[in-house]
N, C-alpha and C. Protein backbone atom coordinates (compact mmCIF):
# COMPACT_ATOMS: atom_id res chain seq x y z
N UNK A 1 -103.80 -115.81 -215.37
CA UNK A 1 -103.04 -114.79 -214.33
C UNK A 1 -104.23 -114.47 -213.80
N UNK A 2 -104.27 -114.05 -212.44
CA UNK A 2 -105.55 -113.42 -211.81
C UNK A 2 -104.84 -112.00 -211.42
N UNK A 3 -105.83 -111.34 -210.78
CA UNK A 3 -105.43 -110.01 -210.84
C UNK A 3 -106.15 -109.50 -208.98
N UNK A 4 -105.29 -109.09 -208.23
CA UNK A 4 -105.57 -108.48 -207.08
C UNK A 4 -106.61 -107.29 -207.27
N UNK A 5 -106.34 -106.58 -208.03
CA UNK A 5 -107.23 -105.79 -208.17
C UNK A 5 -108.52 -105.96 -208.62
N UNK A 6 -108.89 -107.25 -209.45
CA UNK A 6 -110.33 -107.60 -209.92
C UNK A 6 -110.94 -108.18 -208.14
N UNK A 7 -109.98 -108.22 -207.20
CA UNK A 7 -111.00 -108.91 -206.26
C UNK A 7 -111.06 -107.55 -205.21
N UNK A 8 -111.04 -106.63 -205.57
CA UNK A 8 -111.06 -105.21 -204.58
C UNK A 8 -112.30 -104.95 -204.13
N UNK A 9 -113.55 -105.45 -204.40
CA UNK A 9 -114.50 -105.34 -203.86
C UNK A 9 -115.59 -106.69 -203.16
N UNK A 10 -116.00 -106.62 -202.40
CA UNK A 10 -116.86 -107.78 -201.98
C UNK A 10 -117.43 -108.52 -203.30
N UNK A 11 -118.04 -107.43 -204.09
CA UNK A 11 -118.88 -108.50 -205.30
C UNK A 11 -118.19 -109.44 -206.08
N UNK A 12 -116.59 -108.63 -206.10
CA UNK A 12 -115.66 -109.28 -207.48
C UNK A 12 -115.11 -110.11 -206.54
N UNK A 13 -114.96 -110.53 -205.29
CA UNK A 13 -114.01 -111.29 -204.77
C UNK A 13 -114.38 -113.01 -205.06
N UNK A 14 -115.37 -113.27 -205.32
CA UNK A 14 -116.01 -114.54 -205.18
C UNK A 14 -115.29 -115.39 -206.37
N UNK A 15 -115.24 -115.10 -207.72
CA UNK A 15 -114.30 -115.64 -208.67
C UNK A 15 -112.87 -115.72 -208.61
N UNK A 16 -112.25 -114.71 -208.08
CA UNK A 16 -110.99 -114.95 -208.03
C UNK A 16 -110.46 -115.93 -206.93
N UNK A 17 -111.31 -115.73 -206.13
CA UNK A 17 -110.80 -116.93 -204.77
C UNK A 17 -111.12 -118.02 -205.35
N UNK A 18 -112.30 -118.19 -206.02
CA UNK A 18 -112.55 -119.73 -206.69
C UNK A 18 -111.95 -120.53 -207.74
N UNK A 19 -111.12 -119.28 -208.21
CA UNK A 19 -110.14 -119.92 -209.16
C UNK A 19 -108.72 -120.51 -208.24
N UNK A 20 -108.42 -119.28 -207.37
CA UNK A 20 -107.17 -119.82 -206.60
C UNK A 20 -107.61 -121.21 -205.98
N UNK A 21 -108.75 -121.49 -205.40
CA UNK A 21 -109.30 -122.57 -204.25
C UNK A 21 -109.08 -123.85 -205.49
N UNK A 22 -109.76 -123.66 -206.86
CA UNK A 22 -109.58 -124.79 -207.66
C UNK A 22 -108.18 -125.27 -208.30
N UNK A 23 -107.33 -124.04 -208.41
CA UNK A 23 -105.76 -124.23 -208.71
C UNK A 23 -105.27 -124.98 -207.30
N UNK A 24 -105.09 -124.56 -206.53
CA UNK A 24 -104.50 -124.91 -205.57
C UNK A 24 -105.04 -126.47 -205.01
N UNK A 25 -106.43 -126.51 -204.95
CA UNK A 25 -107.09 -127.88 -204.48
C UNK A 25 -107.28 -129.10 -205.32
N UNK A 26 -107.25 -128.52 -206.41
CA UNK A 26 -107.80 -129.46 -207.60
C UNK A 26 -106.59 -129.71 -208.85
N UNK A 27 -106.49 -128.49 -209.23
CA UNK A 27 -105.59 -128.65 -210.82
C UNK A 27 -103.93 -128.78 -210.57
N UNK A 28 -103.68 -128.11 -209.68
CA UNK A 28 -101.87 -128.56 -209.26
C UNK A 28 -101.95 -129.88 -208.71
N UNK A 29 -102.82 -130.51 -208.02
CA UNK A 29 -102.32 -131.92 -207.37
C UNK A 29 -102.61 -132.97 -208.80
N UNK A 30 -103.63 -132.36 -209.24
CA UNK A 30 -104.19 -133.06 -210.74
C UNK A 30 -103.00 -133.69 -211.79
N UNK A 31 -101.88 -132.27 -211.87
CA UNK A 31 -101.39 -132.50 -212.99
C UNK A 31 -99.86 -133.02 -212.34
N UNK A 32 -99.81 -132.66 -211.06
CA UNK A 32 -98.40 -132.78 -210.43
C UNK A 32 -98.01 -134.18 -211.25
N UNK A 33 -98.51 -135.17 -211.07
CA UNK A 33 -98.06 -136.57 -211.62
C UNK A 33 -97.74 -136.61 -213.11
N UNK A 34 -97.91 -135.59 -213.91
CA UNK A 34 -97.52 -135.58 -215.37
C UNK A 34 -96.16 -134.41 -215.78
N UNK A 35 -95.79 -134.21 -214.43
CA UNK A 35 -94.91 -132.85 -214.48
C UNK A 35 -95.48 -131.98 -214.66
N UNK A 36 -96.59 -131.37 -214.68
CA UNK A 36 -96.92 -129.82 -214.84
C UNK A 36 -97.04 -128.96 -213.76
N UNK A 37 -96.48 -127.96 -213.54
CA UNK A 37 -96.79 -127.11 -212.45
C UNK A 37 -97.70 -126.46 -212.87
N UNK A 38 -98.50 -125.91 -211.77
CA UNK A 38 -99.92 -125.20 -211.69
C UNK A 38 -99.78 -123.75 -210.90
N UNK A 39 -99.28 -122.50 -211.63
CA UNK A 39 -98.90 -121.08 -210.82
C UNK A 39 -99.84 -120.29 -211.25
N UNK A 40 -99.52 -119.25 -210.84
CA UNK A 40 -100.33 -117.79 -211.08
C UNK A 40 -99.40 -116.52 -210.54
N UNK A 41 -99.29 -115.65 -211.49
CA UNK A 41 -99.05 -114.12 -210.91
C UNK A 41 -100.32 -113.20 -210.71
N UNK A 42 -100.36 -112.44 -209.31
CA UNK A 42 -101.68 -111.93 -209.40
C UNK A 42 -101.12 -110.41 -209.55
N UNK A 43 -101.18 -109.41 -210.13
CA UNK A 43 -100.49 -108.11 -210.46
C UNK A 43 -101.54 -107.28 -209.86
N UNK A 44 -100.88 -106.46 -209.24
CA UNK A 44 -101.83 -105.32 -208.55
C UNK A 44 -102.00 -104.18 -209.70
N UNK A 45 -101.96 -103.24 -209.33
CA UNK A 45 -102.21 -102.15 -210.25
C UNK A 45 -100.89 -101.99 -210.86
N UNK A 46 -100.72 -102.32 -212.29
CA UNK A 46 -99.74 -102.01 -212.97
C UNK A 46 -100.00 -100.90 -214.40
N UNK A 47 -98.64 -99.86 -214.20
CA UNK A 47 -98.96 -99.01 -215.50
C UNK A 47 -98.55 -99.66 -216.66
N UNK A 48 -99.75 -99.77 -217.32
CA UNK A 48 -99.17 -100.24 -219.02
C UNK A 48 -99.99 -99.24 -220.15
N UNK A 49 -99.50 -99.32 -221.18
CA UNK A 49 -99.58 -98.66 -222.34
C UNK A 49 -101.16 -97.99 -222.41
N UNK A 50 -102.05 -99.21 -222.44
CA UNK A 50 -103.60 -99.09 -222.60
C UNK A 50 -104.03 -97.81 -221.32
N UNK A 51 -103.85 -98.09 -220.23
CA UNK A 51 -104.13 -97.38 -219.08
C UNK A 51 -104.76 -95.78 -219.34
N UNK A 52 -104.05 -95.02 -220.01
CA UNK A 52 -104.60 -93.81 -220.03
C UNK A 52 -105.78 -93.56 -221.05
N UNK A 53 -106.27 -94.68 -221.89
CA UNK A 53 -107.21 -94.81 -222.67
C UNK A 53 -108.69 -95.80 -222.20
N UNK A 54 -108.10 -95.98 -220.78
CA UNK A 54 -109.09 -96.69 -220.15
C UNK A 54 -109.67 -96.13 -218.75
N UNK A 55 -109.36 -94.80 -218.44
CA UNK A 55 -109.47 -94.36 -217.71
C UNK A 55 -109.80 -92.68 -217.56
N UNK A 56 -110.42 -92.21 -216.99
CA UNK A 56 -110.84 -90.81 -216.82
C UNK A 56 -109.55 -90.10 -216.26
N UNK A 57 -109.35 -88.59 -216.79
CA UNK A 57 -107.70 -88.22 -216.15
C UNK A 57 -107.67 -88.26 -214.46
N UNK A 58 -108.78 -87.93 -213.92
CA UNK A 58 -108.63 -87.86 -212.33
C UNK A 58 -107.93 -89.67 -212.16
N UNK A 59 -108.66 -90.42 -212.44
CA UNK A 59 -108.52 -91.77 -212.16
C UNK A 59 -106.82 -92.21 -212.48
N UNK A 60 -106.40 -91.73 -213.70
CA UNK A 60 -105.06 -91.60 -213.73
C UNK A 60 -104.15 -91.04 -212.92
N UNK A 61 -104.48 -89.91 -212.45
CA UNK A 61 -103.35 -89.41 -211.81
C UNK A 61 -103.50 -90.19 -210.31
N UNK A 62 -104.71 -90.68 -210.04
CA UNK A 62 -104.37 -91.22 -208.50
C UNK A 62 -104.11 -93.17 -208.75
N UNK A 63 -103.74 -93.53 -209.95
CA UNK A 63 -103.89 -94.59 -210.41
C UNK A 63 -102.38 -95.45 -209.57
N UNK A 64 -102.85 -96.50 -209.13
CA UNK A 64 -101.87 -97.06 -207.69
C UNK A 64 -101.47 -96.56 -206.81
N UNK A 65 -102.34 -95.30 -206.03
CA UNK A 65 -102.06 -94.71 -205.21
C UNK A 65 -102.52 -95.46 -203.76
N UNK A 66 -103.73 -96.54 -204.20
CA UNK A 66 -104.07 -97.16 -203.14
C UNK A 66 -103.44 -98.52 -202.57
N UNK A 67 -101.89 -98.46 -203.38
CA UNK A 67 -101.09 -99.40 -202.53
C UNK A 67 -100.21 -98.62 -201.43
N UNK A 68 -99.55 -99.71 -200.33
CA UNK A 68 -98.94 -99.15 -199.62
C UNK A 68 -97.60 -98.29 -200.36
N UNK A 69 -97.64 -98.74 -201.47
CA UNK A 69 -96.06 -98.23 -201.90
C UNK A 69 -96.73 -96.81 -202.76
N UNK A 70 -98.12 -96.64 -202.78
CA UNK A 70 -98.42 -95.42 -203.26
C UNK A 70 -98.13 -94.75 -204.82
N UNK A 71 -98.02 -96.29 -205.63
CA UNK A 71 -97.81 -95.92 -207.16
C UNK A 71 -98.19 -97.33 -207.54
N UNK A 72 -98.33 -97.32 -208.85
CA UNK A 72 -98.33 -98.46 -209.69
C UNK A 72 -97.25 -99.27 -210.07
N UNK A 73 -97.53 -100.47 -210.32
CA UNK A 73 -96.22 -101.37 -210.71
C UNK A 73 -95.85 -101.16 -211.96
N UNK A 74 -94.77 -101.06 -212.46
CA UNK A 74 -94.24 -101.32 -214.02
C UNK A 74 -94.16 -102.70 -214.49
N UNK A 75 -94.39 -102.70 -215.90
CA UNK A 75 -94.60 -104.24 -216.24
C UNK A 75 -93.09 -105.00 -215.99
N UNK A 76 -91.97 -104.53 -216.53
CA UNK A 76 -90.88 -105.14 -215.62
C UNK A 76 -90.85 -105.47 -214.22
N UNK A 77 -91.50 -104.61 -213.42
CA UNK A 77 -91.33 -105.88 -211.93
C UNK A 77 -92.03 -106.73 -211.90
N UNK A 78 -93.28 -107.40 -212.88
CA UNK A 78 -93.89 -108.53 -212.72
C UNK A 78 -92.88 -109.62 -213.25
N UNK A 79 -91.88 -109.15 -213.77
CA UNK A 79 -90.97 -110.07 -214.99
C UNK A 79 -90.36 -111.28 -214.10
N UNK A 80 -89.71 -110.64 -212.82
CA UNK A 80 -89.08 -111.47 -211.99
C UNK A 80 -90.29 -112.81 -211.38
N UNK A 81 -91.44 -112.43 -211.24
CA UNK A 81 -92.28 -113.37 -210.54
C UNK A 81 -92.41 -114.38 -211.55
N UNK A 82 -92.61 -114.06 -213.30
CA UNK A 82 -92.42 -114.81 -214.00
C UNK A 82 -91.47 -115.52 -214.35
N UNK A 83 -90.45 -114.99 -214.50
CA UNK A 83 -88.92 -115.45 -214.58
C UNK A 83 -89.12 -116.88 -213.36
N UNK A 84 -89.33 -116.69 -212.30
CA UNK A 84 -89.24 -117.46 -211.35
C UNK A 84 -89.73 -118.65 -211.17
N UNK A 85 -90.85 -118.11 -211.77
CA UNK A 85 -91.87 -119.83 -212.09
C UNK A 85 -91.70 -120.24 -213.18
N UNK A 86 -90.86 -119.78 -213.90
CA UNK A 86 -90.64 -120.63 -215.43
C UNK A 86 -89.08 -121.23 -215.13
N UNK A 87 -88.26 -120.71 -214.01
CA UNK A 87 -87.16 -121.26 -213.61
C UNK A 87 -87.27 -123.06 -213.85
N UNK A 88 -86.33 -123.72 -213.98
CA UNK A 88 -86.48 -125.29 -213.70
C UNK A 88 -85.91 -125.54 -212.07
N UNK A 89 -85.30 -124.53 -211.77
CA UNK A 89 -84.97 -124.29 -210.00
C UNK A 89 -86.43 -124.34 -209.30
N UNK A 90 -87.42 -123.91 -210.00
CA UNK A 90 -88.46 -123.77 -209.07
C UNK A 90 -89.59 -124.90 -209.41
N UNK A 91 -88.89 -125.77 -209.87
CA UNK A 91 -89.86 -127.29 -209.89
C UNK A 91 -90.14 -127.85 -208.90
N UNK A 92 -89.98 -127.44 -207.92
CA UNK A 92 -91.03 -128.02 -206.51
C UNK A 92 -92.11 -127.03 -206.30
N UNK A 93 -92.45 -125.94 -206.99
CA UNK A 93 -93.15 -124.89 -206.73
C UNK A 93 -94.69 -125.16 -207.47
N UNK A 94 -95.56 -125.84 -206.99
CA UNK A 94 -97.03 -125.70 -207.88
C UNK A 94 -97.94 -125.40 -206.79
N UNK A 95 -98.85 -124.61 -207.60
CA UNK A 95 -100.11 -124.67 -206.80
C UNK A 95 -100.24 -123.36 -206.02
N UNK A 96 -99.38 -122.30 -206.53
CA UNK A 96 -98.94 -121.00 -205.84
C UNK A 96 -99.34 -119.97 -206.54
N UNK A 97 -100.01 -118.73 -205.83
CA UNK A 97 -99.99 -117.35 -206.38
C UNK A 97 -98.90 -116.81 -206.01
N UNK A 98 -98.31 -115.90 -206.69
CA UNK A 98 -97.13 -114.73 -206.20
C UNK A 98 -97.93 -114.05 -206.49
N UNK A 99 -98.32 -112.83 -205.39
CA UNK A 99 -98.87 -111.41 -205.35
C UNK A 99 -97.87 -110.40 -205.62
N UNK A 100 -98.00 -109.58 -206.80
CA UNK A 100 -96.95 -108.69 -206.81
C UNK A 100 -97.84 -107.52 -207.01
N UNK A 101 -98.30 -107.13 -205.57
CA UNK A 101 -99.36 -105.79 -205.52
C UNK A 101 -98.76 -104.65 -204.85
N UNK A 102 -97.51 -104.42 -204.56
CA UNK A 102 -97.10 -102.92 -204.44
C UNK A 102 -97.54 -103.16 -202.74
N UNK A 103 -97.43 -104.28 -201.96
CA UNK A 103 -97.55 -104.52 -200.70
C UNK A 103 -99.13 -104.63 -200.08
N UNK A 104 -100.16 -104.67 -201.19
CA UNK A 104 -101.18 -104.42 -200.75
C UNK A 104 -101.56 -106.01 -200.59
N UNK A 105 -102.19 -106.46 -199.33
CA UNK A 105 -102.73 -107.86 -199.10
C UNK A 105 -103.49 -108.43 -200.06
N UNK A 106 -103.16 -109.74 -200.43
CA UNK A 106 -103.69 -110.66 -201.32
C UNK A 106 -104.30 -111.66 -200.68
N UNK A 107 -105.57 -111.83 -200.58
CA UNK A 107 -106.28 -112.61 -199.47
C UNK A 107 -106.80 -113.39 -200.59
């Protein structure tokens, strides 16, 4: 699973972009013949129990405000993307990344 947050700065954008490119251009086509689908969910800022212990208080207060929705996501809000990708009715979906970012563009 990638993270939209990890590619926030130019210095950090290279590896997430490289992983997406590798997944879409090589891995998904290479495994399609074996019936294996390759997809990812890229979360934006999501409020999880460890968040308060990993940031200073001022960062916690503004966590998620950089998204157009002005709030962090909740773990349950990511679940639908995972369920959709796991559903057998999504069997034609491969090589894609679903961005659950609160409206923040995922490039």
